[in-house]
Amino acid sequence: MPLTAFALNCSLKASNDREKSSTDRLLADVLAALMQYDVKGEIVRALSHDIKPGVLSDMGEGDDWPKLRKKILAADIFVLGLPIWLGQPSSVAKRVLERMDAFLEETDDRGRMPAAGKVALVAIVGNEDGAHHCHAECFQALNDVGFTIPANGGVYWVGEAMEDVNYVDLPATPEKVSGAIEMAASNAAHLAGLLKDRGYSGVSG
């Protein structure tokens, strides 16, 4: 059975923004690499949906998170894409992670959270430092709520400090970034396939 991926773009730009999203381009590069392993995926812009603040899976009327949550959990591979702002993950990414906090209280009778058996990648762009710090924050949170992180599961591009060149402006993907994307995609597809065939058993009691 083919694997699937769901990428959530946590850019601060809305989908109708005239300015192109560097996060979108990096996520497209990741999904293209995953396609080589027969992984089909889609990219959704978080700001195109009304994600209410909170730590429950459904915050009531007008909350679009339940629809996104369903897509995340239906996929074998979740790709969290985000820009760096002030050296931190975007506020949109932080809200997404906060909403996943609900997984901690949604375990099954074997103690497994909804994300158990799902693989997570993190793709980061920015024209300032902070990619490793942002990866650390995101991977810790994703692991806490049950996702499995593959080796070399973080990809990023960071431009020169205090310059205005963005990833989306580059004529081609830099060789080292392309190599990192290829490795992340290969490892994610491999791990997702293993977990799909034989998921975590959990524990009793």
N, C-alpha and C. Protein backbone atom coordinates (compact mmCIF):
# COMPACT_ATOMS: atom_id res chain seq x y z
N MET A 1 0.85 -1.20 0.00
CA MET A 1 0.00 0.00 0.00
C MET A 1 0.88 1.25 0.00
N PRO A 2 0.64 2.20 -0.92
CA PRO A 2 1.48 3.40 -0.98
C PRO A 2 1.36 4.24 0.28
N LEU A 3 2.42 4.97 0.57
CA LEU A 3 2.45 5.85 1.72
C LEU A 3 1.92 7.23 1.34
N THR A 4 1.50 7.98 2.34
CA THR A 4 1.00 9.34 2.11
C THR A 4 1.69 10.32 3.04
N ALA A 5 1.75 11.58 2.60
CA ALA A 5 2.35 12.63 3.41
C ALA A 5 1.41 13.83 3.44
N PHE A 6 1.43 14.53 4.56
CA PHE A 6 0.66 15.76 4.69
C PHE A 6 1.60 16.84 5.22
N ALA A 7 1.73 17.92 4.46
CA ALA A 7 2.62 19.02 4.83
C ALA A 7 1.79 20.24 5.23
N LEU A 8 2.09 20.79 6.39
CA LEU A 8 1.38 21.97 6.88
C LEU A 8 2.33 23.16 6.86
N ASN A 9 2.00 24.16 6.05
CA ASN A 9 2.81 25.36 5.91
C ASN A 9 2.40 26.36 6.99
N CYS A 10 3.31 26.60 7.93
CA CYS A 10 3.03 27.51 9.04
C CYS A 10 3.64 28.89 8.81
N SER A 11 3.64 29.32 7.56
CA SER A 11 4.08 30.67 7.20
C SER A 11 3.16 31.70 7.84
N LEU A 12 3.68 32.91 8.01
CA LEU A 12 2.85 34.01 8.48
C LEU A 12 2.10 34.66 7.32
N LYS A 13 2.35 34.17 6.10
CA LYS A 13 1.66 34.69 4.93
C LYS A 13 0.38 33.89 4.67
N ALA A 14 -0.71 34.60 4.44
CA ALA A 14 -1.96 33.92 4.07
C ALA A 14 -1.85 33.42 2.64
N SER A 15 -2.69 32.48 2.27
CA SER A 15 -2.62 31.89 0.93
C SER A 15 -2.92 32.90 -0.17
N ASN A 16 -3.63 33.99 0.16
CA ASN A 16 -3.95 35.01 -0.84
C ASN A 16 -2.93 36.16 -0.85
N ASP A 17 -1.86 36.00 -0.08
CA ASP A 17 -0.80 37.01 -0.04
C ASP A 17 -0.07 37.03 -1.38
N ARG A 18 0.19 38.21 -1.90
CA ARG A 18 0.87 38.32 -3.20
C ARG A 18 2.32 37.85 -3.11
N GLU A 19 2.92 38.01 -1.95
CA GLU A 19 4.31 37.59 -1.78
C GLU A 19 4.39 36.07 -1.69
N LYS A 20 5.28 35.48 -2.47
CA LYS A 20 5.43 34.03 -2.48
C LYS A 20 6.03 33.53 -1.17
N SER A 21 5.69 32.31 -0.81
CA SER A 21 6.14 31.72 0.45
C SER A 21 7.36 30.83 0.24
N SER A 22 8.45 31.15 0.94
CA SER A 22 9.64 30.30 0.90
C SER A 22 9.35 28.94 1.53
N THR A 23 8.50 28.95 2.56
CA THR A 23 8.13 27.68 3.21
C THR A 23 7.42 26.77 2.22
N ASP A 24 6.55 27.35 1.39
CA ASP A 24 5.86 26.57 0.37
C ASP A 24 6.85 25.90 -0.58
N ARG A 25 7.85 26.67 -0.99
CA ARG A 25 8.82 26.11 -1.94
C ARG A 25 9.60 24.96 -1.31
N LEU A 26 10.04 25.13 -0.06
CA LEU A 26 10.80 24.07 0.59
C LEU A 26 9.93 22.83 0.79
N LEU A 27 8.68 23.02 1.18
CA LEU A 27 7.77 21.88 1.34
C LEU A 27 7.54 21.18 0.01
N ALA A 28 7.42 21.95 -1.06
CA ALA A 28 7.25 21.35 -2.38
C ALA A 28 8.47 20.51 -2.75
N ASP A 29 9.66 20.99 -2.39
CA ASP A 29 10.88 20.24 -2.64
C ASP A 29 10.90 18.93 -1.85
N VAL A 30 10.44 18.99 -0.61
CA VAL A 30 10.39 17.79 0.23
C VAL A 30 9.40 16.78 -0.34
N LEU A 31 8.22 17.24 -0.73
CA LEU A 31 7.22 16.32 -1.28
C LEU A 31 7.68 15.73 -2.61
N ALA A 32 8.40 16.52 -3.41
CA ALA A 32 8.93 16.00 -4.67
C ALA A 32 9.93 14.88 -4.40
N ALA A 33 10.74 15.04 -3.36
CA ALA A 33 11.71 14.00 -3.00
C ALA A 33 10.99 12.76 -2.49
N LEU A 34 9.93 12.94 -1.73
CA LEU A 34 9.16 11.80 -1.22
C LEU A 34 8.47 11.04 -2.35
N MET A 35 8.11 11.75 -3.42
CA MET A 35 7.46 11.10 -4.55
C MET A 35 8.33 10.00 -5.17
N GLN A 36 9.64 10.15 -5.04
CA GLN A 36 10.55 9.14 -5.57
C GLN A 36 10.37 7.79 -4.87
N TYR A 37 9.76 7.84 -3.69
CA TYR A 37 9.51 6.62 -2.91
C TYR A 37 8.02 6.29 -2.89
N ASP A 38 7.33 6.77 -3.91
CA ASP A 38 5.89 6.52 -4.07
C ASP A 38 5.06 7.05 -2.91
N VAL A 39 5.52 8.14 -2.33
CA VAL A 39 4.77 8.80 -1.26
C VAL A 39 4.03 9.98 -1.88
N LYS A 40 2.71 9.94 -1.83
CA LYS A 40 1.90 11.03 -2.37
C LYS A 40 1.52 11.99 -1.23
N GLY A 41 1.57 13.28 -1.53
CA GLY A 41 1.29 14.23 -0.46
C GLY A 41 0.61 15.50 -0.93
N GLU A 42 0.25 16.32 0.03
CA GLU A 42 -0.35 17.63 -0.26
C GLU A 42 0.17 18.64 0.74
N ILE A 43 0.13 19.91 0.32
CA ILE A 43 0.54 21.02 1.18
C ILE A 43 -0.68 21.87 1.47
N VAL A 44 -0.87 22.21 2.74
CA VAL A 44 -1.97 23.08 3.15
C VAL A 44 -1.39 24.25 3.93
N ARG A 45 -1.89 25.44 3.66
CA ARG A 45 -1.46 26.64 4.37
C ARG A 45 -2.27 26.78 5.66
N ALA A 46 -1.60 26.77 6.80
CA ALA A 46 -2.30 26.83 8.08
C ALA A 46 -3.17 28.08 8.20
N LEU A 47 -2.66 29.22 7.72
CA LEU A 47 -3.40 30.47 7.86
C LEU A 47 -4.64 30.54 6.96
N SER A 48 -4.82 29.54 6.11
CA SER A 48 -6.06 29.48 5.33
C SER A 48 -7.19 28.90 6.17
N HIS A 49 -6.87 28.51 7.39
CA HIS A 49 -7.84 27.90 8.29
C HIS A 49 -7.85 28.65 9.62
N ASP A 50 -8.97 28.62 10.28
CA ASP A 50 -9.10 29.29 11.58
C ASP A 50 -8.76 28.28 12.68
N ILE A 51 -7.51 28.30 13.09
CA ILE A 51 -7.05 27.40 14.16
C ILE A 51 -7.18 28.16 15.48
N LYS A 52 -8.15 27.79 16.27
CA LYS A 52 -8.40 28.49 17.52
C LYS A 52 -7.28 28.19 18.53
N PRO A 53 -6.99 29.13 19.43
CA PRO A 53 -6.02 28.85 20.48
C PRO A 53 -6.59 27.84 21.46
N GLY A 54 -5.73 27.04 22.04
CA GLY A 54 -6.19 26.06 23.02
C GLY A 54 -5.38 24.78 22.96
N VAL A 55 -5.71 23.85 23.84
CA VAL A 55 -4.99 22.58 23.91
C VAL A 55 -5.95 21.39 23.86
N LEU A 56 -7.08 21.59 23.19
CA LEU A 56 -8.02 20.50 22.97
C LEU A 56 -8.07 20.20 21.47
N SER A 57 -8.54 19.02 21.11
CA SER A 57 -8.63 18.66 19.69
C SER A 57 -9.78 19.37 18.99
N ASP A 58 -10.72 19.90 19.74
CA ASP A 58 -11.83 20.66 19.16
C ASP A 58 -12.19 21.77 20.13
N MET A 59 -11.95 23.02 19.71
CA MET A 59 -12.23 24.16 20.57
C MET A 59 -13.60 24.78 20.29
N GLY A 60 -14.45 24.02 19.61
CA GLY A 60 -15.83 24.46 19.44
C GLY A 60 -16.11 25.17 18.13
N GLU A 61 -17.20 25.90 18.11
CA GLU A 61 -17.70 26.54 16.90
C GLU A 61 -16.64 27.38 16.20
N GLY A 62 -16.51 27.18 14.91
CA GLY A 62 -15.58 27.97 14.11
C GLY A 62 -14.16 27.46 14.10
N ASP A 63 -13.88 26.41 14.83
CA ASP A 63 -12.52 25.88 14.90
C ASP A 63 -12.25 24.94 13.73
N ASP A 64 -11.25 25.27 12.92
CA ASP A 64 -10.90 24.43 11.77
C ASP A 64 -9.87 23.36 12.10
N TRP A 65 -9.35 23.38 13.32
CA TRP A 65 -8.32 22.41 13.67
C TRP A 65 -8.77 20.95 13.49
N PRO A 66 -9.99 20.57 13.86
CA PRO A 66 -10.37 19.16 13.70
C PRO A 66 -10.16 18.63 12.28
N LYS A 67 -10.40 19.47 11.26
CA LYS A 67 -10.19 19.03 9.87
C LYS A 67 -8.71 18.81 9.58
N LEU A 68 -7.87 19.72 10.08
CA LEU A 68 -6.44 19.57 9.87
C LEU A 68 -5.90 18.38 10.66
N ARG A 69 -6.38 18.22 11.88
CA ARG A 69 -5.98 17.09 12.72
C ARG A 69 -6.26 15.77 12.00
N LYS A 70 -7.41 15.69 11.38
CA LYS A 70 -7.79 14.47 10.66
C LYS A 70 -6.81 14.18 9.52
N LYS A 71 -6.42 15.22 8.79
CA LYS A 71 -5.48 15.05 7.69
C LYS A 71 -4.10 14.63 8.19
N ILE A 72 -3.67 15.25 9.28
CA ILE A 72 -2.36 14.92 9.86
C ILE A 72 -2.31 13.45 10.26
N LEU A 73 -3.35 12.98 10.93
CA LEU A 73 -3.36 11.61 11.44
C LEU A 73 -3.67 10.58 10.36
N ALA A 74 -4.25 11.01 9.25
CA ALA A 74 -4.53 10.07 8.16
C ALA A 74 -3.27 9.78 7.35
N ALA A 75 -2.30 10.68 7.41
CA ALA A 75 -1.06 10.52 6.64
C ALA A 75 -0.05 9.66 7.39
N ASP A 76 0.83 9.04 6.65
CA ASP A 76 1.92 8.27 7.26
C ASP A 76 3.07 9.16 7.68
N ILE A 77 3.24 10.26 6.94
CA ILE A 77 4.33 11.20 7.20
C ILE A 77 3.75 12.61 7.33
N PHE A 78 4.06 13.27 8.44
CA PHE A 78 3.64 14.65 8.65
C PHE A 78 4.87 15.54 8.49
N VAL A 79 4.74 16.57 7.65
CA VAL A 79 5.85 17.51 7.44
C VAL A 79 5.41 18.88 7.96
N LEU A 80 6.08 19.33 9.00
CA LEU A 80 5.80 20.64 9.57
C LEU A 80 6.76 21.64 8.94
N GLY A 81 6.21 22.60 8.21
CA GLY A 81 7.03 23.61 7.55
C GLY A 81 6.83 24.97 8.20
N LEU A 82 7.91 25.70 8.42
CA LEU A 82 7.78 26.97 9.12
C LEU A 82 8.96 27.90 8.84
N PRO A 83 8.73 29.20 8.97
CA PRO A 83 9.82 30.16 8.90
C PRO A 83 10.34 30.48 10.30
N ILE A 84 11.53 31.03 10.33
CA ILE A 84 12.12 31.51 11.59
C ILE A 84 11.81 33.00 11.72
N TRP A 85 11.33 33.39 12.89
CA TRP A 85 11.15 34.82 13.19
C TRP A 85 11.71 35.09 14.57
N LEU A 86 12.61 36.08 14.66
CA LEU A 86 13.27 36.42 15.92
C LEU A 86 13.95 35.21 16.54
N GLY A 87 14.48 34.34 15.67
CA GLY A 87 15.17 33.15 16.15
C GLY A 87 14.27 32.06 16.67
N GLN A 88 12.96 32.19 16.47
CA GLN A 88 11.98 31.26 17.01
C GLN A 88 11.12 30.67 15.89
N PRO A 89 10.51 29.50 16.15
CA PRO A 89 9.51 28.99 15.19
C PRO A 89 8.37 30.00 15.08
N SER A 90 7.75 30.10 13.93
CA SER A 90 6.65 31.04 13.75
C SER A 90 5.54 30.79 14.77
N SER A 91 4.80 31.84 15.09
CA SER A 91 3.70 31.72 16.05
C SER A 91 2.65 30.74 15.55
N VAL A 92 2.50 30.63 14.23
CA VAL A 92 1.53 29.69 13.65
C VAL A 92 1.96 28.26 13.96
N ALA A 93 3.26 27.98 13.81
CA ALA A 93 3.77 26.64 14.11
C ALA A 93 3.58 26.32 15.59
N LYS A 94 3.80 27.30 16.44
CA LYS A 94 3.64 27.07 17.88
C LYS A 94 2.19 26.77 18.22
N ARG A 95 1.27 27.44 17.54
CA ARG A 95 -0.15 27.15 17.80
C ARG A 95 -0.49 25.72 17.38
N VAL A 96 0.03 25.30 16.22
CA VAL A 96 -0.21 23.93 15.75
C VAL A 96 0.29 22.92 16.78
N LEU A 97 1.49 23.16 17.30
CA LEU A 97 2.06 22.25 18.29
C LEU A 97 1.24 22.27 19.58
N GLU A 98 0.77 23.45 19.96
CA GLU A 98 -0.07 23.55 21.16
C GLU A 98 -1.35 22.73 21.01
N ARG A 99 -1.93 22.75 19.83
CA ARG A 99 -3.16 21.99 19.62
C ARG A 99 -2.90 20.48 19.70
N MET A 100 -1.70 20.06 19.32
CA MET A 100 -1.36 18.64 19.41
C MET A 100 -1.15 18.19 20.85
N ASP A 101 -1.04 19.12 21.76
CA ASP A 101 -0.92 18.77 23.18
C ASP A 101 -2.07 17.88 23.63
N ALA A 102 -3.20 18.00 22.95
CA ALA A 102 -4.37 17.17 23.28
C ALA A 102 -4.08 15.68 23.13
N PHE A 103 -3.12 15.34 22.26
CA PHE A 103 -2.80 13.92 22.04
C PHE A 103 -2.39 13.23 23.34
N LEU A 104 -1.81 14.00 24.27
CA LEU A 104 -1.33 13.41 25.52
C LEU A 104 -2.45 12.76 26.31
N GLU A 105 -3.66 13.26 26.15
CA GLU A 105 -4.81 12.72 26.90
C GLU A 105 -5.70 11.84 26.04
N GLU A 106 -5.26 11.51 24.84
CA GLU A 106 -6.09 10.74 23.91
C GLU A 106 -5.50 9.37 23.60
N THR A 107 -4.91 8.76 24.59
CA THR A 107 -4.27 7.46 24.39
C THR A 107 -5.31 6.34 24.30
N ASP A 108 -4.91 5.25 23.61
CA ASP A 108 -5.79 4.08 23.53
C ASP A 108 -5.53 3.15 24.71
N ASP A 109 -6.11 1.95 24.67
CA ASP A 109 -5.98 1.05 25.82
C ASP A 109 -4.58 0.45 25.95
N ARG A 110 -3.69 0.76 25.01
CA ARG A 110 -2.29 0.33 25.11
C ARG A 110 -1.36 1.51 25.36
N GLY A 111 -1.95 2.66 25.70
CA GLY A 111 -1.16 3.84 26.02
C GLY A 111 -0.61 4.59 24.83
N ARG A 112 -1.07 4.26 23.62
CA ARG A 112 -0.55 4.90 22.42
C ARG A 112 -1.32 6.17 22.09
N MET A 113 -0.58 7.24 21.81
CA MET A 113 -1.21 8.49 21.40
C MET A 113 -1.63 8.41 19.93
N PRO A 114 -2.51 9.30 19.48
CA PRO A 114 -2.98 9.25 18.09
C PRO A 114 -1.87 9.28 17.05
N ALA A 115 -0.75 9.92 17.37
CA ALA A 115 0.35 10.03 16.41
C ALA A 115 1.31 8.84 16.45
N ALA A 116 1.05 7.86 17.29
CA ALA A 116 1.93 6.70 17.37
C ALA A 116 1.99 6.00 16.01
N GLY A 117 3.18 5.71 15.55
CA GLY A 117 3.34 5.07 14.25
C GLY A 117 3.41 6.04 13.09
N LYS A 118 3.29 7.33 13.37
CA LYS A 118 3.40 8.36 12.33
C LYS A 118 4.80 8.98 12.37
N VAL A 119 5.32 9.29 11.20
CA VAL A 119 6.66 9.86 11.09
C VAL A 119 6.55 11.37 10.88
N ALA A 120 7.46 12.13 11.47
CA ALA A 120 7.43 13.59 11.32
C ALA A 120 8.75 14.13 10.80
N LEU A 121 8.66 15.05 9.85
CA LEU A 121 9.80 15.82 9.36
C LEU A 121 9.54 17.30 9.67
N VAL A 122 10.60 18.07 9.77
CA VAL A 122 10.46 19.52 9.99
C VAL A 122 11.30 20.24 8.94
N ALA A 123 10.67 21.16 8.22
CA ALA A 123 11.33 21.94 7.16
C ALA A 123 11.28 23.41 7.53
N ILE A 124 12.45 24.05 7.56
CA ILE A 124 12.56 25.41 8.08
C ILE A 124 13.28 26.33 7.10
N VAL A 125 12.76 27.55 6.97
CA VAL A 125 13.42 28.56 6.14
C VAL A 125 13.57 29.85 6.94
N GLY A 126 14.53 30.67 6.53
CA GLY A 126 14.71 31.96 7.18
C GLY A 126 15.91 32.68 6.60
N ASN A 127 16.00 33.98 6.83
CA ASN A 127 17.20 34.70 6.42
C ASN A 127 17.92 35.22 7.66
N GLU A 128 17.88 34.40 8.70
CA GLU A 128 18.58 34.69 9.94
C GLU A 128 18.93 33.36 10.59
N ASP A 129 19.73 33.40 11.63
CA ASP A 129 20.14 32.17 12.30
C ASP A 129 18.98 31.61 13.12
N GLY A 130 19.11 30.36 13.55
CA GLY A 130 18.11 29.79 14.43
C GLY A 130 17.51 28.49 13.97
N ALA A 131 17.96 27.94 12.84
CA ALA A 131 17.36 26.72 12.30
C ALA A 131 17.52 25.54 13.26
N HIS A 132 18.72 25.36 13.82
CA HIS A 132 18.93 24.24 14.73
C HIS A 132 18.10 24.39 16.00
N HIS A 133 18.02 25.60 16.49
CA HIS A 133 17.20 25.85 17.68
C HIS A 133 15.73 25.54 17.40
N CYS A 134 15.24 25.97 16.24
CA CYS A 134 13.84 25.71 15.89
C CYS A 134 13.58 24.22 15.67
N HIS A 135 14.54 23.53 15.06
CA HIS A 135 14.40 22.08 14.92
C HIS A 135 14.30 21.42 16.29
N ALA A 136 15.15 21.84 17.21
CA ALA A 136 15.15 21.25 18.55
C ALA A 136 13.78 21.44 19.22
N GLU A 137 13.24 22.64 19.13
CA GLU A 137 11.93 22.91 19.75
C GLU A 137 10.83 22.06 19.12
N CYS A 138 10.82 22.02 17.80
CA CYS A 138 9.74 21.31 17.10
C CYS A 138 9.84 19.80 17.27
N PHE A 139 11.05 19.26 17.15
CA PHE A 139 11.20 17.81 17.28
C PHE A 139 10.88 17.34 18.70
N GLN A 140 11.27 18.12 19.69
CA GLN A 140 10.94 17.74 21.07
C GLN A 140 9.44 17.68 21.25
N ALA A 141 8.74 18.69 20.74
CA ALA A 141 7.28 18.73 20.88
C ALA A 141 6.62 17.59 20.11
N LEU A 142 7.05 17.36 18.88
CA LEU A 142 6.46 16.30 18.06
C LEU A 142 6.70 14.93 18.67
N ASN A 143 7.89 14.72 19.22
CA ASN A 143 8.17 13.45 19.89
C ASN A 143 7.32 13.29 21.13
N ASP A 144 7.13 14.37 21.87
CA ASP A 144 6.31 14.32 23.08
C ASP A 144 4.88 13.86 22.80
N VAL A 145 4.35 14.22 21.63
CA VAL A 145 2.96 13.88 21.33
C VAL A 145 2.84 12.63 20.45
N GLY A 146 3.94 11.86 20.36
CA GLY A 146 3.84 10.54 19.78
C GLY A 146 4.43 10.30 18.41
N PHE A 147 4.89 11.35 17.72
CA PHE A 147 5.48 11.15 16.40
C PHE A 147 6.85 10.50 16.51
N THR A 148 7.25 9.79 15.47
CA THR A 148 8.58 9.20 15.39
C THR A 148 9.43 10.03 14.44
N ILE A 149 10.63 10.39 14.89
CA ILE A 149 11.52 11.24 14.11
C ILE A 149 12.57 10.37 13.42
N PRO A 150 12.67 10.41 12.10
CA PRO A 150 13.70 9.62 11.41
C PRO A 150 15.07 10.28 11.54
N ALA A 151 16.11 9.51 11.27
CA ALA A 151 17.45 10.09 11.22
C ALA A 151 17.49 11.19 10.16
N ASN A 152 18.17 12.29 10.49
CA ASN A 152 18.31 13.41 9.55
C ASN A 152 16.95 13.93 9.09
N GLY A 153 16.01 14.01 10.03
CA GLY A 153 14.65 14.40 9.69
C GLY A 153 14.40 15.89 9.61
N GLY A 154 15.44 16.69 9.80
CA GLY A 154 15.26 18.13 9.72
C GLY A 154 15.96 18.71 8.50
N VAL A 155 15.25 19.50 7.72
CA VAL A 155 15.85 20.18 6.57
C VAL A 155 15.66 21.68 6.73
N TYR A 156 16.62 22.44 6.21
CA TYR A 156 16.50 23.89 6.36
C TYR A 156 17.34 24.63 5.33
N TRP A 157 16.96 25.86 5.12
CA TRP A 157 17.77 26.82 4.38
C TRP A 157 17.73 28.12 5.15
N VAL A 158 18.91 28.68 5.42
CA VAL A 158 19.00 29.97 6.10
C VAL A 158 19.91 30.87 5.29
N GLY A 159 19.40 32.03 4.90
CA GLY A 159 20.19 32.97 4.13
C GLY A 159 21.13 33.78 5.00
N GLU A 160 21.88 34.67 4.37
CA GLU A 160 22.82 35.50 5.11
C GLU A 160 22.08 36.43 6.06
N ALA A 161 22.70 36.65 7.22
CA ALA A 161 22.09 37.51 8.23
C ALA A 161 21.89 38.93 7.70
N MET A 162 20.74 39.50 8.04
CA MET A 162 20.41 40.88 7.71
C MET A 162 20.37 41.16 6.22
N GLU A 163 20.12 40.11 5.42
CA GLU A 163 19.94 40.28 3.98
C GLU A 163 18.49 39.98 3.62
N ASP A 164 18.10 40.29 2.39
CA ASP A 164 16.70 40.14 2.02
C ASP A 164 16.47 39.08 0.96
N VAL A 165 17.44 38.19 0.75
CA VAL A 165 17.26 37.09 -0.20
C VAL A 165 16.58 35.93 0.51
N ASN A 166 15.48 35.46 -0.03
CA ASN A 166 14.73 34.36 0.57
C ASN A 166 14.87 33.10 -0.27
N TYR A 167 14.52 31.98 0.32
CA TYR A 167 14.64 30.69 -0.38
C TYR A 167 13.85 30.69 -1.68
N VAL A 168 12.69 31.32 -1.66
CA VAL A 168 11.84 31.35 -2.85
C VAL A 168 12.48 32.15 -3.99
N ASP A 169 13.46 33.00 -3.66
CA ASP A 169 14.12 33.83 -4.67
C ASP A 169 15.28 33.11 -5.37
N LEU A 170 15.73 31.99 -4.83
CA LEU A 170 16.90 31.30 -5.37
C LEU A 170 16.59 30.71 -6.75
N PRO A 171 17.53 30.80 -7.69
CA PRO A 171 17.30 30.23 -9.02
C PRO A 171 17.26 28.71 -9.01
N ALA A 172 17.93 28.11 -8.03
CA ALA A 172 17.93 26.65 -7.91
C ALA A 172 18.17 26.28 -6.45
N THR A 173 17.78 25.08 -6.08
CA THR A 173 18.01 24.61 -4.71
C THR A 173 19.49 24.33 -4.52
N PRO A 174 20.11 24.90 -3.48
CA PRO A 174 21.53 24.63 -3.23
C PRO A 174 21.80 23.14 -3.07
N GLU A 175 22.97 22.72 -3.51
CA GLU A 175 23.31 21.29 -3.53
C GLU A 175 23.20 20.65 -2.15
N LYS A 176 23.70 21.32 -1.13
CA LYS A 176 23.67 20.73 0.21
C LYS A 176 22.24 20.63 0.75
N VAL A 177 21.43 21.62 0.43
CA VAL A 177 20.03 21.57 0.85
C VAL A 177 19.32 20.43 0.13
N SER A 178 19.57 20.30 -1.17
CA SER A 178 18.98 19.22 -1.95
C SER A 178 19.38 17.86 -1.39
N GLY A 179 20.65 17.73 -1.01
CA GLY A 179 21.12 16.47 -0.44
C GLY A 179 20.45 16.16 0.88
N ALA A 180 20.26 17.19 1.71
CA ALA A 180 19.59 17.00 2.99
C ALA A 180 18.13 16.59 2.79
N ILE A 181 17.48 17.19 1.81
CA ILE A 181 16.09 16.85 1.50
C ILE A 181 15.99 15.40 1.05
N GLU A 182 16.90 14.99 0.18
CA GLU A 182 16.89 13.61 -0.32
C GLU A 182 17.07 12.61 0.82
N MET A 183 18.00 12.90 1.74
CA MET A 183 18.24 12.00 2.86
C MET A 183 17.03 11.95 3.79
N ALA A 184 16.45 13.10 4.08
CA ALA A 184 15.27 13.13 4.96
C ALA A 184 14.12 12.35 4.34
N ALA A 185 13.91 12.53 3.04
CA ALA A 185 12.81 11.83 2.36
C ALA A 185 13.04 10.32 2.36
N SER A 186 14.27 9.91 2.06
CA SER A 186 14.59 8.48 2.04
C SER A 186 14.38 7.85 3.41
N ASN A 187 14.89 8.50 4.45
CA ASN A 187 14.76 7.95 5.80
C ASN A 187 13.31 7.94 6.27
N ALA A 188 12.58 9.01 5.94
CA ALA A 188 11.17 9.09 6.36
C ALA A 188 10.34 8.01 5.69
N ALA A 189 10.53 7.82 4.40
CA ALA A 189 9.77 6.80 3.67
C ALA A 189 10.10 5.41 4.19
N HIS A 190 11.38 5.15 4.46
CA HIS A 190 11.80 3.85 4.99
C HIS A 190 11.14 3.58 6.34
N LEU A 191 11.24 4.57 7.24
CA LEU A 191 10.70 4.40 8.58
C LEU A 191 9.18 4.29 8.56
N ALA A 192 8.53 5.11 7.75
CA ALA A 192 7.06 5.06 7.67
C ALA A 192 6.58 3.71 7.16
N GLY A 193 7.32 3.14 6.20
CA GLY A 193 6.96 1.83 5.68
C GLY A 193 7.06 0.75 6.74
N LEU A 194 8.12 0.81 7.54
CA LEU A 194 8.30 -0.16 8.61
C LEU A 194 7.18 -0.05 9.65
N LEU A 195 6.86 1.18 10.03
CA LEU A 195 5.83 1.39 11.05
C LEU A 195 4.44 1.05 10.53
N LYS A 196 4.22 1.23 9.24
CA LYS A 196 2.92 0.88 8.67
C LYS A 196 2.73 -0.64 8.68
N ASP A 197 3.80 -1.37 8.42
CA ASP A 197 3.73 -2.83 8.42
C ASP A 197 3.66 -3.39 9.84
N ARG A 198 4.38 -2.74 10.74
CA ARG A 198 4.42 -3.24 12.10
C ARG A 198 4.52 -2.07 13.06
N GLY A 199 3.38 -1.59 13.52
CA GLY A 199 3.33 -0.42 14.39
C GLY A 199 3.74 -0.74 15.81
N TYR A 200 3.81 0.28 16.62
CA TYR A 200 4.16 0.12 18.02
C TYR A 200 3.09 -0.71 18.75
N SER A 201 3.54 -1.59 19.61
CA SER A 201 2.60 -2.46 20.33
C SER A 201 2.00 -1.79 21.55
N GLY A 202 2.66 -0.76 22.07
CA GLY A 202 2.15 -0.12 23.28
C GLY A 202 2.39 -1.01 24.49
N VAL A 203 1.81 -0.60 25.61
CA VAL A 203 1.97 -1.37 26.85
C VAL A 203 0.61 -1.52 27.52
N SER A 204 0.49 -2.53 28.32
CA SER A 204 -0.77 -2.74 29.04
C SER A 204 -0.66 -2.18 30.44
N GLY A 205 -1.78 -1.73 30.96
CA GLY A 205 -1.80 -1.23 32.34
C GLY A 205 -1.26 0.12 32.46
